Amino acid sequence: VQLQASGGGLVQTGGSLRLSCVASTRIFSNYAMGWFRQAPGNEREFVAAISRSGDTYYADSVKGRFTVSRDNAKNTVHLQLNSLKPEDTAVYYCASELGTEYYYTPRSTFEYTDWGKGTQVTVSS
């Protein structure tokens, strides 16, 4: 499946952004979806995931500030970023995995097969 992420940009500390990722598939509801990010010089790290059932899981660093959601009718997963901090600056990637357990939220890069190209989020201090 092809994934297209959008919604990144430049925002001040404390600001908000909403990222979206559209998947090119007719069976989007059968995919678990995840968001990861990668800052320069760092490894790609887990941010959030949403299961086929709609259950969610977050990295501790974003819990309470970010919200992941999905719209199966539009083949889209969103990531709402609130109370942004400079350390949130990174390229954000969406990922998908077909056929996971219904309530399971994959949290590692190796658990996902398909990846989008990423969208840049920059938070200025």
Protein backbone atom coordinates (compact mmCIF):
# COMPACT_ATOMS: atom_id res chain seq x y z
CA VAL A 1 0.00 0.00 0.00
CA GLN A 2 1.19 3.54 -0.71
CA LEU A 3 1.05 6.10 2.09
CA GLN A 4 1.04 9.86 1.65
CA ALA A 5 1.64 12.02 4.71
CA SER A 6 0.93 15.72 4.90
CA GLY A 7 0.33 18.54 7.36
CA GLY A 8 3.80 19.27 8.60
CA GLY A 9 5.17 22.78 8.95
CA LEU A 10 6.86 25.37 11.13
CA VAL A 11 5.19 26.24 14.41
CA GLN A 12 6.16 28.01 17.62
CA THR A 13 6.55 26.29 20.98
CA GLY A 14 3.13 25.52 22.37
CA GLY A 15 1.50 25.46 18.97
CA SER A 16 -0.43 22.71 17.20
CA LEU A 17 -0.38 20.82 13.95
CA ARG A 18 -2.51 18.07 12.45
CA LEU A 19 -0.80 15.47 10.35
CA SER A 20 -2.71 13.25 7.95
CA CYS A 21 -1.77 10.08 6.13
CA VAL A 22 -3.83 8.70 3.28
CA ALA A 23 -3.50 5.05 2.28
CA SER A 24 -4.10 3.71 -1.23
CA THR A 25 -6.07 0.61 -0.32
CA ARG A 26 -9.68 -0.60 -0.36
CA ILE A 27 -9.25 -2.49 2.88
CA PHE A 28 -7.87 0.28 5.12
CA SER A 29 -9.81 -1.08 8.09
CA ASN A 30 -7.64 -4.21 7.98
CA TYR A 31 -4.48 -2.21 8.68
CA ALA A 32 -2.92 -1.14 11.93
CA MET A 33 -1.39 2.31 11.52
CA GLY A 34 1.54 3.95 13.22
CA TRP A 35 3.40 7.22 13.41
CA PHE A 36 7.14 7.48 13.89
CA ARG A 37 9.58 10.36 13.81
CA GLN A 38 13.24 10.86 13.09
CA ALA A 39 15.35 13.85 14.04
CA PRO A 40 18.76 14.48 12.42
CA GLY A 41 21.38 12.14 13.83
CA ASN A 42 18.79 10.06 15.68
CA GLU A 43 17.17 6.73 15.02
CA ARG A 44 13.56 6.55 13.96
CA GLU A 45 11.39 6.40 17.05
CA PHE A 46 7.85 5.35 17.78
CA VAL A 47 5.28 8.09 18.40
CA ALA A 48 1.78 6.58 18.29
CA ALA A 49 -0.21 3.70 16.90
CA ILE A 50 -3.84 2.84 16.32
CA SER A 51 -5.13 -0.67 15.97
CA ARG A 52 -7.75 -2.00 13.60
CA SER A 53 -10.24 -1.66 16.45
CA GLY A 54 -9.33 1.97 17.13
CA ASP A 55 -7.30 1.27 20.25
CA THR A 56 -4.36 3.64 20.64
CA TYR A 57 -0.90 3.61 22.19
CA TYR A 58 1.56 6.46 22.66
CA ALA A 59 5.19 6.99 23.46
CA ASP A 60 5.64 8.45 26.92
CA SER A 61 7.20 11.58 25.45
CA VAL A 62 3.99 12.52 23.61
CA LYS A 63 1.30 11.08 25.86
CA GLY A 64 -1.29 13.71 26.73
CA ARG A 65 -0.15 16.02 23.93
CA PHE A 66 -0.63 13.97 20.75
CA THR A 67 -3.76 12.15 19.60
CA VAL A 68 -3.96 9.53 16.86
CA SER A 69 -7.25 8.77 15.13
CA ARG A 70 -8.44 7.05 12.00
CA ASP A 71 -11.23 7.56 9.47
CA ASN A 72 -11.75 4.26 7.69
CA ALA A 73 -14.24 5.79 5.25
CA LYS A 74 -11.49 8.12 3.99
CA ASN A 75 -8.54 5.70 4.30
CA THR A 76 -6.89 8.25 6.53
CA VAL A 77 -5.07 8.32 9.84
CA HIS A 78 -4.50 11.59 11.67
CA LEU A 79 -2.02 12.69 14.29
CA GLN A 80 -3.01 15.79 16.25
CA LEU A 81 0.04 17.45 17.77
CA ASN A 82 -0.65 19.88 20.61
CA SER A 83 1.61 21.73 23.06
CA LEU A 84 4.52 21.27 20.72
CA LYS A 85 8.07 21.52 22.01
CA PRO A 86 11.36 22.10 20.16
CA GLU A 87 12.31 18.48 20.86
CA ASP A 88 9.32 17.39 18.75
CA THR A 89 11.14 18.68 15.67
CA ALA A 90 11.59 15.77 13.26
CA VAL A 91 10.41 14.19 10.06
CA TYR A 92 7.20 12.34 10.87
CA TYR A 93 6.43 9.10 9.05
CA CYS A 94 3.25 7.09 8.89
CA ALA A 95 3.37 3.32 8.54
CA SER A 96 0.92 0.51 7.99
CA GLU A 97 0.71 -3.19 8.62
CA LEU A 98 -1.92 -5.54 7.21
CA GLY A 99 -3.61 -8.28 9.15
CA THR A 100 -2.53 -7.55 12.70
CA GLU A 101 -4.52 -8.78 15.66
CA TYR A 102 -7.69 -6.67 15.92
CA TYR A 103 -6.79 -4.84 19.14
CA TYR A 104 -3.02 -4.78 18.70
CA THR A 105 -1.01 -1.58 18.31
CA PRO A 106 2.39 -2.28 16.71
CA ARG A 107 5.13 -0.16 18.28
CA SER A 108 8.36 -1.10 16.56
CA THR A 109 9.65 -0.20 13.12
CA PHE A 110 10.12 -3.85 12.22
CA GLU A 111 6.42 -4.53 12.77
CA TYR A 112 5.43 -2.33 9.84
CA THR A 113 5.77 -3.20 6.19
CA ASP A 114 4.73 -0.02 4.38
CA TRP A 115 6.02 3.50 4.99
CA GLY A 116 5.20 6.94 3.72
CA LYS A 117 7.83 9.49 2.73
CA GLY A 118 7.44 11.67 5.78
CA THR A 119 6.46 15.23 6.56
CA GLN A 120 8.69 17.76 8.34
CA VAL A 121 7.63 19.25 11.66
CA THR A 122 9.74 22.10 13.00
CA VAL A 123 9.05 23.70 16.36
CA SER A 124 10.80 26.97 17.05
CA SER A 125 11.66 28.10 20.56
